[in-house]
Amino acid sequence: MRFYVCIPLPVRLKEKVSTFSKEWEVQSKSEPHITIIVPRSLPEGVGLRELTGAIAGALSSVRPFIIQCREVGQFDDKQVIHLPIERSSGFADLHQALRTEIERVAGVDVAKFAHVPEPHITLASGMSPEKAEPIWDAAHQIDWTDEFACKELHLMVRGPDDPRWIVSTAFHL
């Protein structure tokens, strides 16, 4: 089983991102979100119960914090067009708490925060350079400025034959 941990978006921002992605036919295998622990495989012998317990334990010391969206950004010569998220101390604290507990309980190597790509909300990915340019231009025509409190996390899971990610557990800060 594969998993990742993400911050769900407020409805207004999720709908805005989904509408943009559908319009440009660049939909994802999951709803728009901010990934905080990148996809990993759960090792044999470690169950969903242990992973869920590790995440719950990590969150016991984490408090809600504010997330701010900035202007449009890109990775890999516009192969990924996204909304960068400020690397706040709240975001860093959340990542560190999750990393420590997931590695301790599940034995899964989780990238250090310094090695995690810029936190972001993906608008479009996997396009050809020809398709990326008009999407890039269109994304700049929209005011993406937003701010919201991170009060919830989702544990997302997917089996080896599952085409889409599903929310296994929602956690509240």
N, C-alpha and C. Protein backbone atom coordinates (compact mmCIF):
# COMPACT_ATOMS: atom_id res chain seq x y z
N MET A 1 0.84 -1.17 0.00
CA MET A 1 0.00 0.00 0.00
C MET A 1 0.90 1.24 0.00
N ARG A 2 0.48 2.25 -0.74
CA ARG A 2 1.19 3.53 -0.77
C ARG A 2 0.40 4.56 0.02
N PHE A 3 1.09 5.54 0.56
CA PHE A 3 0.42 6.58 1.34
C PHE A 3 1.13 7.91 1.15
N TYR A 4 0.42 8.97 1.45
CA TYR A 4 1.02 10.28 1.64
C TYR A 4 0.13 11.06 2.59
N VAL A 5 0.67 12.16 3.12
CA VAL A 5 -0.07 12.99 4.06
C VAL A 5 -0.18 14.38 3.45
N CYS A 6 -1.38 14.93 3.49
CA CYS A 6 -1.60 16.24 2.87
C CYS A 6 -2.51 17.12 3.70
N ILE A 7 -2.47 18.39 3.34
CA ILE A 7 -3.36 19.38 3.93
C ILE A 7 -4.47 19.63 2.90
N PRO A 8 -5.73 19.37 3.28
CA PRO A 8 -6.81 19.65 2.34
C PRO A 8 -7.01 21.16 2.20
N LEU A 9 -7.54 21.56 1.07
CA LEU A 9 -7.78 22.99 0.82
C LEU A 9 -9.18 23.37 1.26
N PRO A 10 -9.38 24.63 1.61
CA PRO A 10 -10.75 25.08 1.87
C PRO A 10 -11.56 24.98 0.58
N VAL A 11 -12.86 24.81 0.71
CA VAL A 11 -13.72 24.58 -0.45
C VAL A 11 -13.51 25.62 -1.54
N ARG A 12 -13.47 26.89 -1.20
CA ARG A 12 -13.36 27.95 -2.21
C ARG A 12 -12.10 27.78 -3.06
N LEU A 13 -10.97 27.44 -2.42
CA LEU A 13 -9.72 27.28 -3.16
C LEU A 13 -9.69 25.96 -3.90
N LYS A 14 -10.21 24.91 -3.29
CA LYS A 14 -10.26 23.60 -3.96
C LYS A 14 -11.08 23.70 -5.24
N GLU A 15 -12.22 24.37 -5.18
CA GLU A 15 -13.08 24.52 -6.37
C GLU A 15 -12.40 25.37 -7.44
N LYS A 16 -11.69 26.40 -7.02
CA LYS A 16 -10.99 27.27 -7.98
C LYS A 16 -9.89 26.48 -8.72
N VAL A 17 -9.12 25.70 -7.97
CA VAL A 17 -8.05 24.88 -8.57
C VAL A 17 -8.66 23.79 -9.45
N SER A 18 -9.70 23.11 -8.97
CA SER A 18 -10.35 22.05 -9.75
C SER A 18 -10.92 22.58 -11.06
N THR A 19 -11.55 23.74 -11.00
CA THR A 19 -12.12 24.34 -12.21
C THR A 19 -11.03 24.65 -13.22
N PHE A 20 -9.93 25.22 -12.75
CA PHE A 20 -8.81 25.53 -13.64
C PHE A 20 -8.25 24.25 -14.27
N SER A 21 -8.04 23.23 -13.46
CA SER A 21 -7.48 21.96 -13.96
C SER A 21 -8.40 21.29 -14.97
N LYS A 22 -9.69 21.29 -14.69
CA LYS A 22 -10.65 20.70 -15.64
C LYS A 22 -10.69 21.47 -16.94
N GLU A 23 -10.66 22.79 -16.84
CA GLU A 23 -10.69 23.63 -18.03
C GLU A 23 -9.52 23.34 -18.96
N TRP A 24 -8.37 23.06 -18.38
CA TRP A 24 -7.17 22.79 -19.16
C TRP A 24 -6.90 21.28 -19.32
N GLU A 25 -7.83 20.46 -18.85
CA GLU A 25 -7.74 19.00 -18.99
C GLU A 25 -6.43 18.45 -18.43
N VAL A 26 -6.11 18.88 -17.21
CA VAL A 26 -4.89 18.42 -16.54
C VAL A 26 -5.21 17.96 -15.12
N GLN A 27 -6.23 17.14 -14.98
CA GLN A 27 -6.69 16.69 -13.68
C GLN A 27 -5.74 15.67 -13.06
N SER A 28 -5.74 15.65 -11.75
CA SER A 28 -4.85 14.81 -10.96
C SER A 28 -5.56 13.51 -10.54
N LYS A 29 -4.79 12.62 -9.91
CA LYS A 29 -5.37 11.38 -9.37
C LYS A 29 -5.90 11.58 -7.96
N SER A 30 -5.91 12.83 -7.49
CA SER A 30 -6.47 13.14 -6.18
C SER A 30 -6.98 14.59 -6.22
N GLU A 31 -7.78 14.94 -5.23
CA GLU A 31 -8.29 16.30 -5.15
C GLU A 31 -7.14 17.26 -4.86
N PRO A 32 -7.29 18.54 -5.22
CA PRO A 32 -6.24 19.51 -4.93
C PRO A 32 -5.92 19.55 -3.43
N HIS A 33 -4.63 19.67 -3.11
CA HIS A 33 -4.16 19.61 -1.74
C HIS A 33 -2.74 20.16 -1.66
N ILE A 34 -2.19 20.18 -0.45
CA ILE A 34 -0.79 20.51 -0.23
C ILE A 34 -0.14 19.27 0.38
N THR A 35 0.78 18.66 -0.33
CA THR A 35 1.46 17.47 0.19
C THR A 35 2.46 17.89 1.26
N ILE A 36 2.43 17.18 2.38
CA ILE A 36 3.41 17.45 3.43
C ILE A 36 4.35 16.27 3.63
N ILE A 37 3.87 15.05 3.42
CA ILE A 37 4.72 13.86 3.38
C ILE A 37 4.48 13.23 2.01
N VAL A 38 5.52 13.17 1.19
CA VAL A 38 5.38 12.69 -0.19
C VAL A 38 5.05 11.20 -0.22
N PRO A 39 4.47 10.72 -1.32
CA PRO A 39 4.08 9.30 -1.40
C PRO A 39 5.23 8.34 -1.09
N ARG A 40 4.90 7.36 -0.27
CA ARG A 40 5.83 6.31 0.14
C ARG A 40 5.07 5.00 0.19
N SER A 41 5.81 3.91 0.16
CA SER A 41 5.22 2.58 0.34
C SER A 41 5.29 2.21 1.81
N LEU A 42 4.22 1.63 2.30
CA LEU A 42 4.19 1.14 3.67
C LEU A 42 4.90 -0.21 3.69
N PRO A 43 5.92 -0.39 4.54
CA PRO A 43 6.66 -1.65 4.55
C PRO A 43 5.79 -2.83 5.01
N GLU A 44 6.17 -4.02 4.57
CA GLU A 44 5.47 -5.22 5.02
C GLU A 44 5.55 -5.30 6.53
N GLY A 45 4.48 -5.74 7.15
CA GLY A 45 4.45 -5.87 8.59
C GLY A 45 3.99 -4.61 9.31
N VAL A 46 3.88 -3.51 8.58
CA VAL A 46 3.39 -2.27 9.18
C VAL A 46 2.01 -2.01 8.60
N GLY A 47 1.03 -1.90 9.48
CA GLY A 47 -0.34 -1.72 9.02
C GLY A 47 -0.79 -0.28 9.07
N LEU A 48 -1.94 -0.08 8.52
CA LEU A 48 -2.56 1.24 8.51
C LEU A 48 -2.80 1.74 9.93
N ARG A 49 -3.10 0.83 10.84
CA ARG A 49 -3.33 1.20 12.24
C ARG A 49 -2.08 1.84 12.85
N GLU A 50 -0.91 1.24 12.61
CA GLU A 50 0.34 1.80 13.14
C GLU A 50 0.64 3.17 12.53
N LEU A 51 0.43 3.28 11.23
CA LEU A 51 0.68 4.55 10.55
C LEU A 51 -0.26 5.64 11.06
N THR A 52 -1.53 5.30 11.21
CA THR A 52 -2.51 6.25 11.73
C THR A 52 -2.15 6.68 13.15
N GLY A 53 -1.71 5.74 13.96
CA GLY A 53 -1.28 6.06 15.33
C GLY A 53 -0.07 6.97 15.35
N ALA A 54 0.86 6.75 14.43
CA ALA A 54 2.05 7.60 14.36
C ALA A 54 1.67 9.03 14.01
N ILE A 55 0.77 9.17 13.06
CA ILE A 55 0.34 10.51 12.64
C ILE A 55 -0.41 11.19 13.78
N ALA A 56 -1.32 10.47 14.42
CA ALA A 56 -2.07 11.04 15.55
C ALA A 56 -1.12 11.48 16.66
N GLY A 57 -0.12 10.66 16.95
CA GLY A 57 0.86 11.02 17.97
C GLY A 57 1.65 12.27 17.60
N ALA A 58 2.03 12.37 16.35
CA ALA A 58 2.78 13.55 15.89
C ALA A 58 1.96 14.82 16.04
N LEU A 59 0.68 14.71 15.79
CA LEU A 59 -0.17 15.90 15.79
C LEU A 59 -0.52 16.40 17.19
N SER A 60 -0.23 15.60 18.21
CA SER A 60 -0.58 16.01 19.57
C SER A 60 0.15 17.28 20.00
N SER A 61 1.28 17.57 19.37
CA SER A 61 2.05 18.75 19.75
C SER A 61 1.97 19.88 18.72
N VAL A 62 1.17 19.69 17.68
CA VAL A 62 1.10 20.68 16.60
C VAL A 62 -0.17 21.50 16.73
N ARG A 63 -0.04 22.78 16.51
CA ARG A 63 -1.19 23.70 16.59
C ARG A 63 -1.53 24.21 15.19
N PRO A 64 -2.78 24.62 14.98
CA PRO A 64 -3.14 25.20 13.68
C PRO A 64 -2.23 26.39 13.34
N PHE A 65 -2.02 26.59 12.04
CA PHE A 65 -1.19 27.70 11.58
C PHE A 65 -1.77 28.22 10.27
N ILE A 66 -1.31 29.38 9.86
CA ILE A 66 -1.83 30.03 8.65
C ILE A 66 -1.01 29.63 7.43
N ILE A 67 -1.71 29.32 6.35
CA ILE A 67 -1.10 29.00 5.07
C ILE A 67 -1.42 30.13 4.11
N GLN A 68 -0.40 30.58 3.38
CA GLN A 68 -0.58 31.64 2.41
C GLN A 68 -0.17 31.18 1.03
N CYS A 69 -1.05 31.40 0.06
CA CYS A 69 -0.73 31.14 -1.35
C CYS A 69 -0.10 32.39 -1.92
N ARG A 70 0.84 32.18 -2.80
CA ARG A 70 1.50 33.30 -3.46
C ARG A 70 1.21 33.24 -4.95
N GLU A 71 2.01 33.92 -5.70
CA GLU A 71 1.87 33.93 -7.15
C GLU A 71 2.11 32.54 -7.74
N VAL A 72 1.87 32.40 -9.02
CA VAL A 72 2.06 31.14 -9.73
C VAL A 72 3.55 30.84 -9.86
N GLY A 73 3.90 29.56 -9.69
CA GLY A 73 5.28 29.12 -9.85
C GLY A 73 5.34 27.90 -10.76
N GLN A 74 6.56 27.40 -10.98
CA GLN A 74 6.72 26.23 -11.84
C GLN A 74 7.98 25.46 -11.47
N PHE A 75 7.97 24.17 -11.81
CA PHE A 75 9.14 23.30 -11.70
C PHE A 75 9.42 22.73 -13.08
N ASP A 76 10.65 22.32 -13.29
CA ASP A 76 11.04 21.54 -14.47
C ASP A 76 10.60 22.18 -15.79
N ASP A 77 10.98 23.43 -15.99
CA ASP A 77 10.68 24.13 -17.23
C ASP A 77 9.18 24.07 -17.56
N LYS A 78 8.37 24.38 -16.56
CA LYS A 78 6.91 24.47 -16.64
C LYS A 78 6.23 23.11 -16.82
N GLN A 79 6.92 22.02 -16.49
CA GLN A 79 6.27 20.71 -16.53
C GLN A 79 5.31 20.56 -15.35
N VAL A 80 5.55 21.33 -14.29
CA VAL A 80 4.63 21.40 -13.16
C VAL A 80 4.35 22.89 -12.90
N ILE A 81 3.10 23.28 -13.03
CA ILE A 81 2.68 24.64 -12.75
C ILE A 81 1.91 24.59 -11.43
N HIS A 82 2.28 25.47 -10.49
CA HIS A 82 1.75 25.34 -9.13
C HIS A 82 1.60 26.69 -8.44
N LEU A 83 0.98 26.64 -7.27
CA LEU A 83 0.88 27.79 -6.38
C LEU A 83 1.82 27.55 -5.21
N PRO A 84 2.92 28.27 -5.11
CA PRO A 84 3.83 28.07 -3.99
C PRO A 84 3.16 28.44 -2.66
N ILE A 85 3.55 27.72 -1.62
CA ILE A 85 3.07 27.96 -0.26
C ILE A 85 4.26 28.40 0.56
N GLU A 86 4.06 29.42 1.37
CA GLU A 86 5.13 29.92 2.22
C GLU A 86 5.64 28.82 3.15
N ARG A 87 6.95 28.68 3.26
CA ARG A 87 7.58 27.72 4.17
C ARG A 87 7.62 28.32 5.57
N SER A 88 6.48 28.37 6.22
CA SER A 88 6.37 28.99 7.55
C SER A 88 6.93 28.06 8.62
N SER A 89 7.14 28.62 9.82
CA SER A 89 7.61 27.79 10.93
C SER A 89 6.54 26.75 11.30
N GLY A 90 5.26 27.10 11.18
CA GLY A 90 4.19 26.14 11.46
C GLY A 90 4.24 24.97 10.52
N PHE A 91 4.48 25.24 9.24
CA PHE A 91 4.59 24.18 8.24
C PHE A 91 5.80 23.29 8.54
N ALA A 92 6.93 23.93 8.86
CA ALA A 92 8.15 23.17 9.18
C ALA A 92 7.96 22.32 10.43
N ASP A 93 7.32 22.86 11.45
CA ASP A 93 7.07 22.10 12.69
C ASP A 93 6.18 20.89 12.42
N LEU A 94 5.15 21.09 11.62
CA LEU A 94 4.25 19.99 11.26
C LEU A 94 5.02 18.89 10.53
N HIS A 95 5.80 19.28 9.55
CA HIS A 95 6.57 18.29 8.79
C HIS A 95 7.53 17.52 9.69
N GLN A 96 8.24 18.22 10.56
CA GLN A 96 9.21 17.57 11.45
C GLN A 96 8.52 16.59 12.40
N ALA A 97 7.39 16.99 12.97
CA ALA A 97 6.67 16.10 13.89
C ALA A 97 6.21 14.84 13.16
N LEU A 98 5.65 15.01 11.96
CA LEU A 98 5.20 13.85 11.18
C LEU A 98 6.38 12.96 10.80
N ARG A 99 7.44 13.55 10.32
CA ARG A 99 8.63 12.79 9.89
C ARG A 99 9.17 11.95 11.03
N THR A 100 9.32 12.56 12.20
CA THR A 100 9.88 11.86 13.35
C THR A 100 9.03 10.65 13.72
N GLU A 101 7.72 10.84 13.84
CA GLU A 101 6.84 9.74 14.27
C GLU A 101 6.66 8.67 13.19
N ILE A 102 6.53 9.05 11.95
CA ILE A 102 6.36 8.06 10.88
C ILE A 102 7.63 7.21 10.76
N GLU A 103 8.79 7.83 10.83
CA GLU A 103 10.04 7.07 10.77
C GLU A 103 10.19 6.15 11.98
N ARG A 104 9.81 6.63 13.15
CA ARG A 104 9.95 5.84 14.38
C ARG A 104 9.01 4.64 14.38
N VAL A 105 7.75 4.87 14.07
CA VAL A 105 6.74 3.82 14.19
C VAL A 105 6.69 2.91 12.96
N ALA A 106 6.77 3.51 11.79
CA ALA A 106 6.58 2.72 10.57
C ALA A 106 7.90 2.35 9.88
N GLY A 107 9.00 2.96 10.31
CA GLY A 107 10.28 2.66 9.70
C GLY A 107 10.39 3.13 8.27
N VAL A 108 9.58 4.11 7.89
CA VAL A 108 9.59 4.62 6.52
C VAL A 108 10.46 5.86 6.48
N ASP A 109 11.42 5.89 5.56
CA ASP A 109 12.28 7.05 5.41
C ASP A 109 11.46 8.18 4.78
N VAL A 110 11.37 9.29 5.50
CA VAL A 110 10.64 10.46 5.02
C VAL A 110 11.65 11.57 4.82
N ALA A 111 11.60 12.22 3.67
CA ALA A 111 12.57 13.27 3.35
C ALA A 111 12.57 14.37 4.40
N LYS A 112 13.77 14.87 4.70
CA LYS A 112 13.89 16.02 5.59
C LYS A 112 13.23 17.21 4.94
N PHE A 113 12.74 18.11 5.76
CA PHE A 113 12.03 19.28 5.25
C PHE A 113 12.89 20.07 4.27
N ALA A 114 14.18 20.17 4.54
CA ALA A 114 15.08 20.90 3.67
C ALA A 114 15.16 20.27 2.28
N HIS A 115 14.86 18.98 2.18
CA HIS A 115 14.94 18.27 0.90
C HIS A 115 13.60 18.16 0.20
N VAL A 116 12.54 18.62 0.86
CA VAL A 116 11.21 18.57 0.25
C VAL A 116 11.11 19.73 -0.72
N PRO A 117 10.63 19.47 -1.96
CA PRO A 117 10.46 20.59 -2.88
C PRO A 117 9.56 21.66 -2.26
N GLU A 118 9.59 22.81 -2.82
CA GLU A 118 8.78 23.91 -2.30
C GLU A 118 7.34 23.46 -2.08
N PRO A 119 6.80 23.67 -0.87
CA PRO A 119 5.39 23.31 -0.66
C PRO A 119 4.53 24.06 -1.68
N HIS A 120 3.55 23.35 -2.22
CA HIS A 120 2.76 23.95 -3.30
C HIS A 120 1.43 23.24 -3.50
N ILE A 121 0.58 23.88 -4.29
CA ILE A 121 -0.66 23.28 -4.77
C ILE A 121 -0.48 23.14 -6.27
N THR A 122 -0.54 21.92 -6.77
CA THR A 122 -0.35 21.69 -8.20
C THR A 122 -1.58 22.14 -8.98
N LEU A 123 -1.34 22.95 -10.01
CA LEU A 123 -2.41 23.36 -10.93
C LEU A 123 -2.43 22.46 -12.15
N ALA A 124 -1.24 22.10 -12.64
CA ALA A 124 -1.13 21.27 -13.85
C ALA A 124 0.25 20.61 -13.85
N SER A 125 0.31 19.38 -14.35
CA SER A 125 1.61 18.70 -14.45
C SER A 125 1.60 17.71 -15.61
N GLY A 126 2.81 17.35 -16.03
CA GLY A 126 2.96 16.34 -17.06
C GLY A 126 2.59 16.78 -18.46
N MET A 127 2.63 18.07 -18.73
CA MET A 127 2.28 18.56 -20.07
C MET A 127 3.51 18.64 -20.96
N SER A 128 3.25 18.66 -22.24
CA SER A 128 4.31 18.94 -23.20
C SER A 128 4.64 20.43 -23.08
N PRO A 129 5.84 20.84 -23.50
CA PRO A 129 6.18 22.27 -23.45
C PRO A 129 5.19 23.14 -24.24
N GLU A 130 4.66 22.60 -25.33
CA GLU A 130 3.70 23.35 -26.13
C GLU A 130 2.40 23.59 -25.37
N LYS A 131 1.96 22.62 -24.61
CA LYS A 131 0.73 22.77 -23.83
C LYS A 131 0.97 23.59 -22.57
N ALA A 132 2.17 23.51 -22.01
CA ALA A 132 2.47 24.20 -20.76
C ALA A 132 2.40 25.71 -20.90
N GLU A 133 2.86 26.25 -22.01
CA GLU A 133 2.93 27.70 -22.17
C GLU A 133 1.57 28.39 -22.07
N PRO A 134 0.53 27.92 -22.77
CA PRO A 134 -0.77 28.59 -22.61
C PRO A 134 -1.38 28.39 -21.21
N ILE A 135 -1.10 27.27 -20.58
CA ILE A 135 -1.58 27.04 -19.21
C ILE A 135 -0.88 28.02 -18.26
N TRP A 136 0.42 28.17 -18.43
CA TRP A 136 1.20 29.12 -17.65
C TRP A 136 0.64 30.53 -17.80
N ASP A 137 0.36 30.93 -19.03
CA ASP A 137 -0.19 32.26 -19.29
C ASP A 137 -1.57 32.42 -18.64
N ALA A 138 -2.42 31.39 -18.78
CA ALA A 138 -3.77 31.46 -18.20
C ALA A 138 -3.73 31.52 -16.68
N ALA A 139 -2.81 30.78 -16.07
CA ALA A 139 -2.70 30.78 -14.61
C ALA A 139 -2.34 32.17 -14.09
N HIS A 140 -1.57 32.92 -14.87
CA HIS A 140 -1.18 34.26 -14.46
C HIS A 140 -2.32 35.29 -14.59
N GLN A 141 -3.38 34.91 -15.24
CA GLN A 141 -4.52 35.82 -15.39
C GLN A 141 -5.47 35.74 -14.19
N ILE A 142 -5.22 34.84 -13.28
CA ILE A 142 -6.10 34.61 -12.14
C ILE A 142 -5.41 35.09 -10.86
N ASP A 143 -6.17 35.72 -10.00
CA ASP A 143 -5.65 36.12 -8.69
C ASP A 143 -5.76 34.92 -7.75
N TRP A 144 -4.64 34.28 -7.45
CA TRP A 144 -4.61 33.08 -6.61
C TRP A 144 -4.33 33.40 -5.16
N THR A 145 -4.17 34.66 -4.83
CA THR A 145 -3.84 35.04 -3.46
C THR A 145 -4.90 34.50 -2.50
N ASP A 146 -4.45 33.78 -1.49
CA ASP A 146 -5.37 33.21 -0.51
C ASP A 146 -4.63 32.98 0.80
N GLU A 147 -5.39 32.88 1.85
CA GLU A 147 -4.85 32.61 3.18
C GLU A 147 -5.90 31.82 3.94
N PHE A 148 -5.46 30.76 4.62
CA PHE A 148 -6.39 29.95 5.40
C PHE A 148 -5.64 29.25 6.52
N ALA A 149 -6.40 28.84 7.52
CA ALA A 149 -5.80 28.14 8.66
C ALA A 149 -5.71 26.65 8.35
N CYS A 150 -4.53 26.08 8.62
CA CYS A 150 -4.37 24.63 8.52
C CYS A 150 -4.87 24.05 9.83
N LYS A 151 -6.01 23.38 9.76
CA LYS A 151 -6.63 22.79 10.95
C LYS A 151 -6.85 21.29 10.78
N GLU A 152 -6.51 20.76 9.59
CA GLU A 152 -6.82 19.37 9.29
C GLU A 152 -5.75 18.79 8.37
N LEU A 153 -5.51 17.49 8.52
CA LEU A 153 -4.62 16.73 7.63
C LEU A 153 -5.37 15.50 7.15
N HIS A 154 -4.99 15.01 5.97
CA HIS A 154 -5.55 13.76 5.46
C HIS A 154 -4.44 12.75 5.22
N LEU A 155 -4.69 11.53 5.65
CA LEU A 155 -3.84 10.40 5.28
C LEU A 155 -4.47 9.81 4.03
N MET A 156 -3.74 9.85 2.93
CA MET A 156 -4.22 9.34 1.65
C MET A 156 -3.57 7.97 1.38
N VAL A 157 -4.37 7.03 0.89
CA VAL A 157 -3.84 5.69 0.60
C VAL A 157 -4.28 5.24 -0.79
N ARG A 158 -3.50 4.30 -1.32
CA ARG A 158 -3.80 3.71 -2.62
C ARG A 158 -3.16 2.33 -2.69
N GLY A 159 -3.97 1.34 -3.03
CA GLY A 159 -3.45 0.00 -3.20
C GLY A 159 -2.73 -0.12 -4.54
N PRO A 160 -2.06 -1.25 -4.77
CA PRO A 160 -1.27 -1.41 -6.00
C PRO A 160 -2.09 -1.34 -7.28
N ASP A 161 -3.36 -1.69 -7.20
CA ASP A 161 -4.20 -1.67 -8.41
C ASP A 161 -5.21 -0.54 -8.42
N ASP A 162 -5.14 0.35 -7.44
CA ASP A 162 -6.10 1.46 -7.35
C ASP A 162 -5.67 2.60 -8.26
N PRO A 163 -6.59 3.11 -9.08
CA PRO A 163 -6.22 4.21 -9.96
C PRO A 163 -6.17 5.57 -9.25
N ARG A 164 -6.91 5.72 -8.16
CA ARG A 164 -6.98 7.02 -7.47
C ARG A 164 -6.66 6.88 -5.99
N TRP A 165 -6.19 7.97 -5.42
CA TRP A 165 -5.94 8.05 -3.99
C TRP A 165 -7.25 8.29 -3.27
N ILE A 166 -7.38 7.73 -2.06
CA ILE A 166 -8.57 7.98 -1.24
C ILE A 166 -8.15 8.46 0.15
N VAL A 167 -9.04 9.20 0.79
CA VAL A 167 -8.79 9.65 2.16
C VAL A 167 -9.05 8.47 3.08
N SER A 168 -8.02 8.05 3.78
CA SER A 168 -8.16 6.96 4.75
C SER A 168 -8.60 7.51 6.09
N THR A 169 -7.96 8.60 6.52
CA THR A 169 -8.24 9.19 7.82
C THR A 169 -8.07 10.70 7.75
N ALA A 170 -8.99 11.43 8.38
CA ALA A 170 -8.86 12.88 8.53
C ALA A 170 -8.48 13.15 9.98
N PHE A 171 -7.47 13.98 10.16
CA PHE A 171 -6.97 14.35 11.49
C PHE A 171 -7.21 15.84 11.69
N HIS A 172 -7.60 16.21 12.91
CA HIS A 172 -7.83 17.63 13.21
C HIS A 172 -6.76 18.14 14.16
N LEU A 173 -6.24 19.31 13.88
CA LEU A 173 -5.22 19.93 14.74
C LEU A 173 -5.90 20.66 15.89
